[in-house]
Amino acid sequence: MPLPRTTLRLPVSNTAKVMYARLLDEILTRGTPDCNGILFISFPIMEMAAALSRSPQTCKRSLNELEQAGMIMRVRQGIGEVSHIYMLCRF
């Protein structure tokens, strides 16, 4: 999985850094372009928890960390729908 070297210095937990690498890998392999041509992924929390061997609560906490650090942007789609996750450049 790709992990930009600059992410190692960011003030987020190690779990969030691993999650970022996993999200980056997912967007590079199966990203879907939106109406503007920007790639996003839909990665359900339960699938993410299984992929990272972490609890769903830990995954939610790590997603919040990444979003607050400006590394990702989540666009909610509605009740019961999976959010679109966009990778942001902050390096």
C-alpha atoms as a PDB file:
ATOM      1  CA  MET A   1       0.000   0.000   0.000  1.00  0.00           C
ATOM      2  CA  PRO A   2       1.327   3.455  -0.798  1.00  0.00           C
ATOM      3  CA  LEU A   3       2.030   5.749   2.145  1.00  0.00           C
ATOM      4  CA  PRO A   4       3.412   9.187   1.392  1.00  0.00           C
ATOM      5  CA  ARG A   5       6.453   9.799   3.566  1.00  0.00           C
ATOM      6  CA  THR A   6       5.099  13.165   4.688  1.00  0.00           C
ATOM      7  CA  THR A   7       2.167  11.477   6.439  1.00  0.00           C
ATOM      8  CA  LEU A   8       4.576  10.108   9.026  1.00  0.00           C
ATOM      9  CA  ARG A   9       4.992  13.596  10.508  1.00  0.00           C
ATOM     10  CA  LEU A  10       1.289  14.436  10.706  1.00  0.00           C
ATOM     11  CA  PRO A  11      -0.366  14.650  14.123  1.00  0.00           C
ATOM     12  CA  VAL A  12      -2.718  11.688  13.689  1.00  0.00           C
ATOM     13  CA  SER A  13      -2.678   8.235  15.259  1.00  0.00           C
ATOM     14  CA  ASN A  14      -0.878   5.302  13.676  1.00  0.00           C
ATOM     15  CA  THR A  15      -4.229   3.651  12.996  1.00  0.00           C
ATOM     16  CA  ALA A  16      -5.297   6.744  11.052  1.00  0.00           C
ATOM     17  CA  LYS A  17      -2.066   6.629   9.034  1.00  0.00           C
ATOM     18  CA  VAL A  18      -2.607   2.970   8.134  1.00  0.00           C
ATOM     19  CA  MET A  19      -6.218   3.771   7.243  1.00  0.00           C
ATOM     20  CA  TYR A  20      -5.046   6.617   5.011  1.00  0.00           C
ATOM     21  CA  ALA A  21      -2.699   4.241   3.196  1.00  0.00           C
ATOM     22  CA  ARG A  22      -5.539   1.751   2.747  1.00  0.00           C
ATOM     23  CA  LEU A  23      -7.911   4.451   1.473  1.00  0.00           C
ATOM     24  CA  LEU A  24      -5.259   5.715  -0.930  1.00  0.00           C
ATOM     25  CA  ASP A  25      -4.738   2.179  -2.232  1.00  0.00           C
ATOM     26  CA  GLU A  26      -8.495   1.721  -2.670  1.00  0.00           C
ATOM     27  CA  ILE A  27      -8.949   4.988  -4.515  1.00  0.00           C
ATOM     28  CA  LEU A  28      -6.069   4.176  -6.864  1.00  0.00           C
ATOM     29  CA  THR A  29      -7.412   0.704  -7.645  1.00  0.00           C
ATOM     30  CA  ARG A  30     -11.184   1.109  -7.626  1.00  0.00           C
ATOM     31  CA  GLY A  31     -11.921   4.831  -7.385  1.00  0.00           C
ATOM     32  CA  THR A  32     -15.051   6.089  -9.111  1.00  0.00           C
ATOM     33  CA  PRO A  33     -15.131   9.518 -10.790  1.00  0.00           C
ATOM     34  CA  ASP A  34     -17.905  11.886  -9.745  1.00  0.00           C
ATOM     35  CA  CYS A  35     -19.662  14.320 -12.093  1.00  0.00           C
ATOM     36  CA  ASN A  36     -16.564  16.580 -11.986  1.00  0.00           C
ATOM     37  CA  GLY A  37     -14.163  13.741 -12.746  1.00  0.00           C
ATOM     38  CA  ILE A  38     -12.722  13.635  -9.203  1.00  0.00           C
ATOM     39  CA  LEU A  39     -12.120  10.131  -7.841  1.00  0.00           C
ATOM     40  CA  PHE A  40     -13.891   8.980  -4.685  1.00  0.00           C
ATOM     41  CA  ILE A  41     -14.561   5.684  -2.966  1.00  0.00           C
ATOM     42  CA  SER A  42     -17.447   4.291  -0.984  1.00  0.00           C
ATOM     43  CA  PHE A  43     -15.972   2.139   1.763  1.00  0.00           C
ATOM     44  CA  PRO A  44     -18.520   0.915   4.349  1.00  0.00           C
ATOM     45  CA  ILE A  45     -17.363   1.067   7.975  1.00  0.00           C
ATOM     46  CA  MET A  46     -17.847  -2.671   8.527  1.00  0.00           C
ATOM     47  CA  GLU A  47     -15.710  -3.525   5.475  1.00  0.00           C
ATOM     48  CA  MET A  48     -13.086  -1.039   6.583  1.00  0.00           C
ATOM     49  CA  ALA A  49     -13.039  -2.539  10.084  1.00  0.00           C
ATOM     50  CA  ALA A  50     -12.566  -6.027   8.636  1.00  0.00           C
ATOM     51  CA  ALA A  51      -9.830  -4.870   6.249  1.00  0.00           C
ATOM     52  CA  LEU A  52      -7.882  -3.157   9.045  1.00  0.00           C
ATOM     53  CA  SER A  53      -8.686  -5.689  11.786  1.00  0.00           C
ATOM     54  CA  ARG A  54     -10.056  -2.891  13.971  1.00  0.00           C
ATOM     55  CA  SER A  55     -13.414  -2.225  15.561  1.00  0.00           C
ATOM     56  CA  PRO A  56     -15.994  -0.093  13.733  1.00  0.00           C
ATOM     57  CA  GLN A  57     -15.707   2.537  16.491  1.00  0.00           C
ATOM     58  CA  THR A  58     -11.919   2.756  16.000  1.00  0.00           C
ATOM     59  CA  CYS A  59     -12.455   3.179  12.250  1.00  0.00           C
ATOM     60  CA  LYS A  60     -14.949   5.982  12.819  1.00  0.00           C
ATOM     61  CA  ARG A  61     -12.530   7.707  15.193  1.00  0.00           C
ATOM     62  CA  SER A  62      -9.690   7.399  12.664  1.00  0.00           C
ATOM     63  CA  LEU A  63     -11.875   8.752   9.850  1.00  0.00           C
ATOM     64  CA  ASN A  64     -12.731  11.740  12.036  1.00  0.00           C
ATOM     65  CA  GLU A  65      -9.013  12.292  12.733  1.00  0.00           C
ATOM     66  CA  LEU A  66      -8.193  12.205   9.026  1.00  0.00           C
ATOM     67  CA  GLU A  67     -11.031  14.564   8.224  1.00  0.00           C
ATOM     68  CA  GLN A  68     -10.032  17.045  10.934  1.00  0.00           C
ATOM     69  CA  ALA A  69      -6.410  16.924   9.732  1.00  0.00           C
ATOM     70  CA  GLY A  70      -7.600  17.836   6.222  1.00  0.00           C
ATOM     71  CA  MET A  71      -6.439  14.585   4.641  1.00  0.00           C
ATOM     72  CA  ILE A  72      -9.854  13.337   3.500  1.00  0.00           C
ATOM     73  CA  MET A  73     -13.310  14.734   2.900  1.00  0.00           C
ATOM     74  CA  ARG A  74     -16.453  12.704   3.479  1.00  0.00           C
ATOM     75  CA  VAL A  75     -19.633  13.607   1.631  1.00  0.00           C
ATOM     76  CA  ARG A  76     -22.648  12.029   3.232  1.00  0.00           C
ATOM     77  CA  GLN A  77     -25.184  10.579   0.797  1.00  0.00           C
ATOM     78  CA  GLY A  78     -28.195  10.133   3.050  1.00  0.00           C
ATOM     79  CA  ILE A  79     -29.571   7.979   5.818  1.00  0.00           C
ATOM     80  CA  GLY A  80     -28.324   4.418   5.487  1.00  0.00           C
ATOM     81  CA  GLU A  81     -26.092   5.286   2.526  1.00  0.00           C
ATOM     82  CA  VAL A  82     -22.316   4.980   2.447  1.00  0.00           C
ATOM     83  CA  SER A  83     -20.431   8.300   2.376  1.00  0.00           C
ATOM     84  CA  HIS A  84     -18.212   9.214  -0.542  1.00  0.00           C
ATOM     85  CA  ILE A  85     -14.600   9.611   0.593  1.00  0.00           C
ATOM     86  CA  TYR A  86     -12.322  12.013  -1.291  1.00  0.00           C
ATOM     87  CA  MET A  87      -8.563  12.142  -0.722  1.00  0.00           C
ATOM     88  CA  LEU A  88      -7.245  15.663  -0.217  1.00  0.00           C
ATOM     89  CA  CYS A  89      -3.682  16.846  -0.771  1.00  0.00           C
ATOM     90  CA  ARG A  90      -2.291  18.455   2.351  1.00  0.00           C
ATOM     91  CA  PHE A  91       1.421  17.843   1.859  1.00  0.00           C
END
